[in-house]
Amino acid sequence: MLKSINHWAFPKDMQMESVFEHARLAGYDAIELNLGPEGAIGPHLASTSADLATIRRLADASGIRLRSLSCGLMWDHSLSAPQPEARRRGQDIVLKQLETAHALEMDTILTVAGYCTDDASSYELLEQRSVETFGYLLPHAERLGVAIAVENVWSKFLLSPTEMAAFIDGFGSNAIGVYFDIGNVMLYGHPEQWIRILGSRIRKVHAKDFRRAVGTGQGFVPLLAGDVKWPLVMKALSDIGYTDTITAEVGAYSAYPLQAVYDTARHLDVLFHGEPR
């Protein structure tokens, strides 16, 4: 497996050359970048091919792999939104993700299947809209050779491993899979069980830790500080033959932002090797 971290862990104003250099110094194999709003540091909605070529060159020069592209823009543009214009905007964002990932030579993008909100007319209609939207997107993913990986999030949708597996299998395409978030599932399940059921559907993995007694977003804590049974999780990943990135999705520290990058690298070493190194 590859030791990776999400770009969100770095100071927001840090230039990409420094981001890659600190990732190298901390001992990471890869970084997960994020498609941001126009003008953001890193890939964004208005990035040109020259912009992306520069990012790819900087990553290569640092020996850092680029394997996946996340995005925080879908909360306001759900692929299952009742409003057609919101769904179309969501489709456009995912298409930009696919094109950006292809240009950066990544093989996977992260997206969210939908959100079951108070104004949703029904769970069945939410699922129908989501399926229709992915049906439109998948030919583009197949053409570009980039997989769409659906993340399990607190969206009140796809809340069991069997439901998630059936959703993915229903498309009959290798261009869609699961982006499995270990910490997100702790509120309503056990990650080691999800991993064994989802199996080869898992394309990428997010590593987060969570304290169940808190029960809110404040329950996310640094790796090894929560209730995740990491030895069981890592064994389950090994048993299904997973060999890709384990990407820590953590926030920067408030006083010394960059220290989170270095501390998390050591935490991942413990997960990978079963003891401090």
Protein backbone atom coordinates (compact mmCIF):
# COMPACT_ATOMS: atom_id res chain seq x y z
CA MET A 1 0.00 0.00 0.00
CA LEU A 2 1.06 3.59 -0.62
CA LYS A 3 1.35 6.21 2.12
CA SER A 4 -0.60 9.28 1.03
CA ILE A 5 -2.11 12.50 2.38
CA ASN A 6 -4.78 14.87 1.10
CA HIS A 7 -3.68 18.35 0.02
CA TRP A 8 -6.11 19.88 2.54
CA ALA A 9 -3.64 19.03 5.34
CA PHE A 10 -1.18 21.65 4.06
CA PRO A 11 -1.37 25.40 4.74
CA LYS A 12 -3.84 26.96 2.31
CA ASP A 13 -1.36 29.51 0.98
CA MET A 14 1.52 27.08 0.41
CA GLN A 15 2.67 26.89 -3.20
CA MET A 16 2.65 23.49 -4.90
CA GLU A 17 6.43 23.20 -5.15
CA SER A 18 6.68 23.48 -1.35
CA VAL A 19 3.75 21.11 -0.86
CA PHE A 20 5.47 18.38 -2.83
CA GLU A 21 8.81 19.01 -1.16
CA HIS A 22 7.36 18.72 2.36
CA ALA A 23 5.49 15.57 1.31
CA ARG A 24 8.79 14.10 0.16
CA LEU A 25 10.59 15.09 3.34
CA ALA A 26 7.82 13.61 5.48
CA GLY A 27 8.11 10.31 3.63
CA TYR A 28 4.87 10.14 1.65
CA ASP A 29 4.53 8.13 -1.54
CA ALA A 30 1.62 10.16 -2.91
CA ILE A 31 -0.60 13.20 -2.47
CA GLU A 32 -4.30 13.42 -3.21
CA LEU A 33 -5.06 16.75 -4.83
CA ASN A 34 -8.43 18.51 -4.80
CA LEU A 35 -10.30 20.29 -7.56
CA GLY A 36 -10.92 23.72 -6.09
CA PRO A 37 -12.81 26.85 -7.07
CA GLU A 38 -11.33 29.13 -9.69
CA GLY A 39 -8.05 30.64 -8.52
CA ALA A 40 -7.27 28.06 -5.83
CA ILE A 41 -3.70 26.81 -5.38
CA GLY A 42 -3.50 23.47 -7.15
CA PRO A 43 -5.95 22.20 -9.78
CA HIS A 44 -9.11 24.30 -10.03
CA LEU A 45 -12.10 24.84 -12.26
CA ALA A 46 -10.24 27.21 -14.59
CA SER A 47 -6.90 25.36 -14.71
CA THR A 48 -5.36 25.25 -18.17
CA SER A 49 -3.47 22.34 -19.65
CA ALA A 50 -0.26 24.30 -19.02
CA ASP A 51 -1.20 24.76 -15.34
CA LEU A 52 -1.77 21.03 -14.93
CA ALA A 53 1.43 20.16 -16.78
CA THR A 54 3.34 22.31 -14.28
CA ILE A 55 1.73 20.49 -11.34
CA ARG A 56 2.59 17.14 -12.89
CA ARG A 57 6.18 18.23 -13.47
CA LEU A 58 6.58 19.42 -9.86
CA ALA A 59 5.19 16.14 -8.53
CA ASP A 60 7.50 14.09 -10.72
CA ALA A 61 10.52 16.16 -9.68
CA SER A 62 9.74 15.41 -6.02
CA GLY A 63 9.07 11.72 -6.63
CA ILE A 64 5.49 12.11 -5.37
CA ARG A 65 2.79 10.09 -7.09
CA LEU A 66 -0.58 11.56 -8.08
CA ARG A 67 -3.20 8.82 -7.87
CA SER A 68 -6.56 10.51 -7.20
CA LEU A 69 -8.46 13.80 -7.33
CA SER A 70 -10.94 14.79 -4.65
CA CYS A 71 -13.36 17.72 -4.69
CA GLY A 72 -15.20 19.73 -2.06
CA LEU A 73 -17.57 21.46 -4.47
CA MET A 74 -20.32 18.83 -4.62
CA TRP A 75 -22.08 19.76 -1.38
CA ASP A 76 -23.82 22.62 -3.19
CA HIS A 77 -24.25 20.77 -6.49
CA SER A 78 -25.48 17.29 -5.65
CA LEU A 79 -25.77 14.70 -8.40
CA SER A 80 -29.16 13.76 -6.93
CA ALA A 81 -30.52 17.27 -6.31
CA PRO A 82 -34.23 17.79 -7.07
CA GLN A 83 -33.33 20.90 -9.10
CA PRO A 84 -32.18 20.00 -12.64
CA GLU A 85 -29.83 23.00 -12.79
CA ALA A 86 -28.04 21.87 -9.62
CA ARG A 87 -27.59 18.37 -11.06
CA ARG A 88 -26.25 19.80 -14.32
CA ARG A 89 -23.74 21.93 -12.42
CA GLY A 90 -22.70 18.84 -10.46
CA GLN A 91 -22.24 16.92 -13.73
CA ASP A 92 -20.06 19.71 -15.11
CA ILE A 93 -17.87 19.63 -11.99
CA VAL A 94 -17.41 15.86 -12.23
CA LEU A 95 -16.57 16.16 -15.93
CA LYS A 96 -13.93 18.75 -15.05
CA GLN A 97 -12.61 16.36 -12.40
CA LEU A 98 -12.34 13.57 -14.95
CA GLU A 99 -10.55 15.76 -17.49
CA THR A 100 -8.21 17.16 -14.83
CA ALA A 101 -7.39 13.71 -13.46
CA HIS A 102 -6.68 12.46 -16.97
CA ALA A 103 -4.33 15.38 -17.64
CA LEU A 104 -2.52 14.71 -14.35
CA GLU A 105 -2.29 10.98 -15.18
CA MET A 106 -4.41 9.98 -12.18
CA ASP A 107 -6.64 6.91 -12.36
CA THR A 108 -9.45 7.88 -9.95
CA ILE A 109 -11.67 10.77 -8.91
CA LEU A 110 -13.72 10.99 -5.73
CA THR A 111 -17.35 12.01 -5.82
CA VAL A 112 -20.53 11.63 -3.77
CA ALA A 113 -23.59 9.82 -5.09
CA GLY A 114 -26.19 12.08 -3.49
CA TYR A 115 -27.69 13.56 -0.34
CA CYS A 116 -31.00 12.64 1.24
CA THR A 117 -32.19 16.04 2.47
CA ASP A 118 -35.41 17.26 4.04
CA ASP A 119 -36.63 18.54 0.68
CA ALA A 120 -35.97 15.25 -1.12
CA SER A 121 -39.29 13.94 -2.46
CA SER A 122 -38.37 10.33 -1.70
CA TYR A 123 -35.39 8.07 -1.20
CA GLU A 124 -36.33 6.13 -4.34
CA LEU A 125 -36.37 9.28 -6.48
CA LEU A 126 -33.04 10.38 -5.02
CA GLU A 127 -31.51 7.06 -6.05
CA GLN A 128 -33.12 7.25 -9.49
CA ARG A 129 -31.69 10.72 -10.13
CA SER A 130 -28.26 9.61 -8.94
CA VAL A 131 -28.30 6.54 -11.19
CA GLU A 132 -29.34 8.63 -14.20
CA THR A 133 -26.56 11.14 -13.57
CA PHE A 134 -23.88 8.46 -13.26
CA GLY A 135 -25.25 6.84 -16.39
CA TYR A 136 -24.46 10.08 -18.20
CA LEU A 137 -20.98 10.43 -16.64
CA LEU A 138 -19.68 6.87 -17.00
CA PRO A 139 -19.10 6.91 -20.79
CA HIS A 140 -16.88 9.96 -20.27
CA ALA A 141 -14.97 8.17 -17.49
CA GLU A 142 -14.52 5.10 -19.69
CA ARG A 143 -13.29 7.24 -22.60
CA LEU A 144 -10.71 9.00 -20.40
CA GLY A 145 -9.63 5.88 -18.54
CA VAL A 146 -10.40 7.42 -15.14
CA ALA A 147 -12.57 5.66 -12.57
CA ILE A 148 -15.33 7.43 -10.63
CA ALA A 149 -15.10 6.37 -6.98
CA VAL A 150 -18.17 6.98 -4.80
CA GLU A 151 -17.32 7.94 -1.23
CA ASN A 152 -19.34 6.87 1.80
CA VAL A 153 -20.21 10.14 3.54
CA TRP A 154 -22.77 11.39 6.07
CA SER A 155 -25.38 11.95 3.38
CA LYS A 156 -28.15 9.62 4.64
CA PHE A 157 -27.71 7.65 1.42
CA LEU A 158 -25.98 4.30 0.75
CA LEU A 159 -25.68 3.61 4.47
CA SER A 160 -24.78 -0.09 4.38
CA PRO A 161 -22.03 -2.02 2.60
CA THR A 162 -24.54 -4.24 0.81
CA GLU A 163 -26.48 -1.23 -0.47
CA MET A 164 -23.27 0.41 -1.65
CA ALA A 165 -22.15 -2.80 -3.38
CA ALA A 166 -25.50 -3.19 -5.15
CA PHE A 167 -25.42 0.45 -6.27
CA ILE A 168 -21.97 0.03 -7.82
CA ASP A 169 -22.74 -3.35 -9.39
CA GLY A 170 -25.92 -2.01 -10.98
CA PHE A 171 -23.93 -0.01 -13.54
CA GLY A 172 -22.03 -3.00 -14.92
CA SER A 173 -18.97 -0.84 -15.57
CA ASN A 174 -15.36 -1.03 -14.41
CA ALA A 175 -15.26 2.76 -14.49
CA ILE A 176 -17.16 3.08 -11.19
CA GLY A 177 -16.13 1.87 -7.75
CA VAL A 178 -15.96 2.90 -4.10
CA TYR A 179 -13.79 5.47 -2.39
CA PHE A 180 -13.90 3.96 1.09
CA ASP A 181 -13.56 6.35 4.02
CA ILE A 182 -12.65 4.47 7.20
CA GLY A 183 -13.55 7.22 9.65
CA ASN A 184 -16.85 8.19 8.02
CA VAL A 185 -18.31 4.73 8.54
CA MET A 186 -17.63 4.69 12.28
CA LEU A 187 -20.84 6.60 13.05
CA TYR A 188 -23.04 3.81 11.72
CA GLY A 189 -20.89 0.72 11.15
CA HIS A 190 -17.59 -1.12 11.35
CA PRO A 191 -15.02 -0.38 8.63
CA GLU A 192 -13.43 -3.82 8.66
CA GLN A 193 -16.85 -5.33 7.83
CA TRP A 194 -17.45 -2.88 4.99
CA ILE A 195 -14.02 -3.62 3.52
CA ARG A 196 -14.64 -7.37 3.32
CA ILE A 197 -18.05 -6.91 1.69
CA LEU A 198 -16.97 -4.25 -0.80
CA GLY A 199 -13.77 -6.11 -1.71
CA SER A 200 -12.40 -5.30 -5.14
CA ARG A 201 -14.97 -2.52 -5.61
CA ILE A 202 -12.72 -0.36 -3.40
CA ARG A 203 -10.55 1.84 -5.64
CA LYS A 204 -9.07 4.16 -3.02
CA VAL A 205 -9.11 4.53 0.79
CA HIS A 206 -9.31 7.55 3.08
CA ALA A 207 -7.83 7.15 6.57
CA LYS A 208 -9.52 9.12 9.34
CA ASP A 209 -10.10 8.30 13.01
CA PHE A 210 -13.26 8.97 14.99
CA ARG A 211 -14.52 8.92 18.56
CA ARG A 212 -18.02 7.44 18.57
CA ALA A 213 -18.97 8.96 21.93
CA VAL A 214 -18.75 12.45 20.40
CA GLY A 215 -21.05 11.52 17.52
CA THR A 216 -20.60 14.72 15.48
CA GLY A 217 -18.00 16.17 13.15
CA GLN A 218 -16.03 17.12 16.26
CA GLY A 219 -15.42 13.41 16.78
CA PHE A 220 -12.80 13.25 14.04
CA VAL A 221 -9.37 13.11 15.67
CA PRO A 222 -5.78 12.45 14.56
CA LEU A 223 -5.00 8.92 13.39
CA LEU A 224 -4.62 6.42 16.28
CA ALA A 225 -6.49 8.74 18.69
CA GLY A 226 -10.00 7.42 18.05
CA ASP A 227 -11.99 4.20 18.13
CA VAL A 228 -11.02 2.67 14.76
CA LYS A 229 -9.66 -0.85 15.26
CA TRP A 230 -6.70 -0.28 13.00
CA PRO A 231 -5.15 -3.76 13.14
CA LEU A 232 -8.48 -5.26 11.99
CA VAL A 233 -8.89 -2.62 9.29
CA MET A 234 -5.41 -3.09 7.89
CA LYS A 235 -5.78 -6.87 7.93
CA ALA A 236 -9.07 -6.61 6.06
CA LEU A 237 -7.46 -4.41 3.40
CA SER A 238 -4.60 -6.87 3.07
CA ASP A 239 -6.99 -9.82 2.86
CA ILE A 240 -8.89 -8.30 -0.09
CA GLY A 241 -5.61 -7.63 -1.88
CA TYR A 242 -5.73 -3.84 -1.68
CA THR A 243 -2.38 -2.31 -2.69
CA ASP A 244 -3.18 1.30 -3.58
CA THR A 245 -3.12 4.54 -1.57
CA ILE A 246 -4.10 4.93 2.07
CA THR A 247 -4.73 8.67 2.05
CA ALA A 248 -4.93 10.47 5.37
CA GLU A 249 -7.67 13.08 5.22
CA VAL A 250 -6.81 15.33 8.14
CA GLY A 251 -6.90 19.04 8.81
CA ALA A 252 -3.93 21.30 9.39
CA TYR A 253 -3.12 22.20 12.99
CA SER A 254 -4.19 25.71 13.97
CA ALA A 255 -0.95 27.01 15.53
CA TYR A 256 1.60 25.03 13.48
CA PRO A 257 -0.31 23.88 10.37
CA LEU A 258 2.45 21.95 8.68
CA GLN A 259 3.20 19.78 11.71
CA ALA A 260 0.04 17.77 10.97
CA VAL A 261 1.65 16.57 7.74
CA TYR A 262 4.72 15.22 9.54
CA ASP A 263 2.82 13.76 12.51
CA THR A 264 0.37 11.99 10.22
CA ALA A 265 3.23 10.42 8.26
CA ARG A 266 4.43 8.78 11.48
CA HIS A 267 0.90 7.64 12.32
CA LEU A 268 0.60 5.99 8.91
CA ASP A 269 3.92 4.24 9.50
CA VAL A 270 2.40 2.60 12.58
CA LEU A 271 -0.64 1.46 10.55
CA PHE A 272 1.55 0.03 7.80
CA HIS A 273 4.09 -1.71 10.04
CA GLY A 274 2.12 -2.42 13.22
CA GLU A 275 4.60 -0.64 15.49
CA PRO A 276 6.29 2.77 15.89
CA ARG A 277 9.14 3.44 13.49
